[in-house]
Amino acid sequence: MPKFKIFSGLGGGFGGAKEHDEIMEFDNEDEAERFAYLEASEEYEGFNGLYGLRTVEEIMKEDGVSEEEAEETYNEEKEDWLDYYVEEVEVKEEEQNETK
């Protein structure tokens, strides 16, 4: 199973994607990227309502739109802030033999 370094965070003044402490195994790169995306999303949601990152409720009030429209705007704004990527780690043959 391939191993990946995971990088996730928020762009702009938040410093961008940061490397996670551990190397993780995934079935493929798409799964690793999905994990990195979810980690970045979680970080974004932790800042909801702070530092200019608006909540759905704030968007509804400020923009005068329905909840559905506000959720759409929220998701667009969130995507603009997310910063994530993965790097596959080559496992040396000796390490592969140790794990068997």
C-alpha atoms as a PDB file:
ATOM      1  CA  MET A   1       0.000   0.000   0.000  1.00  0.00           C
ATOM      2  CA  PRO A   2       1.460   3.382  -0.971  1.00  0.00           C
ATOM      3  CA  LYS A   3       2.519   5.851   1.714  1.00  0.00           C
ATOM      4  CA  PHE A   4       2.009   9.600   1.522  1.00  0.00           C
ATOM      5  CA  LYS A   5       3.086  12.776   3.215  1.00  0.00           C
ATOM      6  CA  ILE A   6      -0.041  14.849   3.829  1.00  0.00           C
ATOM      7  CA  PHE A   7      -0.033  18.643   3.612  1.00  0.00           C
ATOM      8  CA  SER A   8      -3.087  20.704   4.524  1.00  0.00           C
ATOM      9  CA  GLY A   9      -4.072  24.098   5.807  1.00  0.00           C
ATOM     10  CA  LEU A  10      -5.395  27.451   4.710  1.00  0.00           C
ATOM     11  CA  GLY A  11      -3.794  29.821   2.238  1.00  0.00           C
ATOM     12  CA  GLY A  12      -3.282  33.550   2.495  1.00  0.00           C
ATOM     13  CA  GLY A  13      -2.308  34.878   5.896  1.00  0.00           C
ATOM     14  CA  PHE A  14      -2.898  31.476   7.467  1.00  0.00           C
ATOM     15  CA  GLY A  15       0.411  30.175   6.149  1.00  0.00           C
ATOM     16  CA  GLY A  16      -0.655  27.594   3.590  1.00  0.00           C
ATOM     17  CA  ALA A  17      -0.474  23.818   3.731  1.00  0.00           C
ATOM     18  CA  LYS A  18       1.646  22.355   6.504  1.00  0.00           C
ATOM     19  CA  GLU A  19       3.064  18.845   6.620  1.00  0.00           C
ATOM     20  CA  HIS A  20       1.422  16.394   9.015  1.00  0.00           C
ATOM     21  CA  ASP A  21       3.661  14.716  11.550  1.00  0.00           C
ATOM     22  CA  GLU A  22       3.161  11.194  10.291  1.00  0.00           C
ATOM     23  CA  ILE A  23       3.385   9.471   6.935  1.00  0.00           C
ATOM     24  CA  MET A  24       0.130   7.670   6.179  1.00  0.00           C
ATOM     25  CA  GLU A  25      -0.894   4.698   4.046  1.00  0.00           C
ATOM     26  CA  PHE A  26      -3.752   4.916   1.553  1.00  0.00           C
ATOM     27  CA  ASP A  27      -4.993   2.644  -1.224  1.00  0.00           C
ATOM     28  CA  ASN A  28      -4.187   5.331  -3.787  1.00  0.00           C
ATOM     29  CA  GLU A  29      -3.349   9.005  -4.306  1.00  0.00           C
ATOM     30  CA  ASP A  30      -7.005  10.001  -4.672  1.00  0.00           C
ATOM     31  CA  GLU A  31      -7.770   8.703  -1.174  1.00  0.00           C
ATOM     32  CA  ALA A  32      -4.759  10.545   0.229  1.00  0.00           C
ATOM     33  CA  GLU A  33      -5.874  13.778  -1.453  1.00  0.00           C
ATOM     34  CA  ARG A  34      -9.406  13.336  -0.115  1.00  0.00           C
ATOM     35  CA  PHE A  35      -7.974  12.991   3.399  1.00  0.00           C
ATOM     36  CA  ALA A  36      -5.862  16.138   2.936  1.00  0.00           C
ATOM     37  CA  TYR A  37      -8.940  18.000   1.652  1.00  0.00           C
ATOM     38  CA  LEU A  38     -10.977  16.944   4.685  1.00  0.00           C
ATOM     39  CA  GLU A  39      -8.192  18.040   7.030  1.00  0.00           C
ATOM     40  CA  ALA A  40      -8.004  21.473   5.370  1.00  0.00           C
ATOM     41  CA  SER A  41     -11.815  21.748   5.472  1.00  0.00           C
ATOM     42  CA  GLU A  42     -11.816  20.943   9.170  1.00  0.00           C
ATOM     43  CA  GLU A  43      -9.258  23.667   9.804  1.00  0.00           C
ATOM     44  CA  TYR A  44     -11.360  26.158   7.813  1.00  0.00           C
ATOM     45  CA  GLU A  45     -14.466  25.267   9.778  1.00  0.00           C
ATOM     46  CA  GLY A  46     -12.529  25.818  13.004  1.00  0.00           C
ATOM     47  CA  PHE A  47     -12.114  29.468  11.991  1.00  0.00           C
ATOM     48  CA  ASN A  48     -15.760  30.028  10.969  1.00  0.00           C
ATOM     49  CA  GLY A  49     -16.785  33.535  11.923  1.00  0.00           C
ATOM     50  CA  LEU A  50     -13.196  34.606  12.633  1.00  0.00           C
ATOM     51  CA  TYR A  51     -10.580  36.488  10.602  1.00  0.00           C
ATOM     52  CA  GLY A  52     -13.055  37.269   7.828  1.00  0.00           C
ATOM     53  CA  LEU A  53     -14.111  33.658   7.237  1.00  0.00           C
ATOM     54  CA  ARG A  54     -17.881  33.979   7.169  1.00  0.00           C
ATOM     55  CA  THR A  55     -20.452  31.518   8.452  1.00  0.00           C
ATOM     56  CA  VAL A  56     -23.567  30.615   6.457  1.00  0.00           C
ATOM     57  CA  GLU A  57     -25.590  32.796   8.831  1.00  0.00           C
ATOM     58  CA  GLU A  58     -23.280  35.775   8.285  1.00  0.00           C
ATOM     59  CA  ILE A  59     -23.534  35.366   4.519  1.00  0.00           C
ATOM     60  CA  MET A  60     -27.335  35.244   4.725  1.00  0.00           C
ATOM     61  CA  LYS A  61     -27.422  38.429   6.795  1.00  0.00           C
ATOM     62  CA  GLU A  62     -24.686  40.367   4.951  1.00  0.00           C
ATOM     63  CA  ASP A  63     -25.654  39.360   1.412  1.00  0.00           C
ATOM     64  CA  GLY A  64     -29.420  39.157   1.959  1.00  0.00           C
ATOM     65  CA  VAL A  65     -29.701  35.685   0.418  1.00  0.00           C
ATOM     66  CA  SER A  66     -31.495  32.427   1.211  1.00  0.00           C
ATOM     67  CA  GLU A  67     -29.836  29.652   3.198  1.00  0.00           C
ATOM     68  CA  GLU A  68     -29.321  27.627   0.031  1.00  0.00           C
ATOM     69  CA  GLU A  69     -27.591  30.539  -1.722  1.00  0.00           C
ATOM     70  CA  ALA A  70     -25.556  31.254   1.409  1.00  0.00           C
ATOM     71  CA  GLU A  71     -24.362  27.633   1.569  1.00  0.00           C
ATOM     72  CA  GLU A  72     -23.281  27.860  -2.060  1.00  0.00           C
ATOM     73  CA  THR A  73     -21.356  31.076  -1.350  1.00  0.00           C
ATOM     74  CA  TYR A  74     -19.876  29.543   1.813  1.00  0.00           C
ATOM     75  CA  ASN A  75     -18.575  26.540  -0.137  1.00  0.00           C
ATOM     76  CA  GLU A  76     -17.086  28.791  -2.826  1.00  0.00           C
ATOM     77  CA  GLU A  77     -15.357  30.958  -0.231  1.00  0.00           C
ATOM     78  CA  LYS A  78     -14.085  27.863   1.599  1.00  0.00           C
ATOM     79  CA  GLU A  79     -12.620  26.382  -1.594  1.00  0.00           C
ATOM     80  CA  ASP A  80     -10.724  29.638  -2.186  1.00  0.00           C
ATOM     81  CA  TRP A  81      -8.967  29.295   1.186  1.00  0.00           C
ATOM     82  CA  LEU A  82      -8.135  25.575   1.237  1.00  0.00           C
ATOM     83  CA  ASP A  83      -4.534  24.604   0.567  1.00  0.00           C
ATOM     84  CA  TYR A  84      -3.719  20.882   0.436  1.00  0.00           C
ATOM     85  CA  TYR A  85      -1.676  18.322  -1.451  1.00  0.00           C
ATOM     86  CA  VAL A  86       0.065  14.977  -0.988  1.00  0.00           C
ATOM     87  CA  GLU A  87       3.450  13.538  -1.864  1.00  0.00           C
ATOM     88  CA  GLU A  88       3.978   9.826  -2.322  1.00  0.00           C
ATOM     89  CA  VAL A  89       6.864   8.466  -0.262  1.00  0.00           C
ATOM     90  CA  GLU A  90       9.100   5.840  -1.818  1.00  0.00           C
ATOM     91  CA  VAL A  91       9.511   2.894   0.520  1.00  0.00           C
ATOM     92  CA  LYS A  92      12.961   1.321   0.400  1.00  0.00           C
ATOM     93  CA  GLU A  93      13.100  -2.415  -0.245  1.00  0.00           C
ATOM     94  CA  GLU A  94      14.611  -3.101   3.206  1.00  0.00           C
ATOM     95  CA  GLU A  95      11.675  -1.293   4.867  1.00  0.00           C
ATOM     96  CA  GLN A  96       9.181  -3.329   2.830  1.00  0.00           C
ATOM     97  CA  ASN A  97      10.823  -6.551   3.974  1.00  0.00           C
ATOM     98  CA  GLU A  98      10.699  -5.405   7.617  1.00  0.00           C
ATOM     99  CA  THR A  99       6.946  -4.852   7.453  1.00  0.00           C
ATOM    100  CA  LYS A 100       6.193  -8.349   6.084  1.00  0.00           C
END
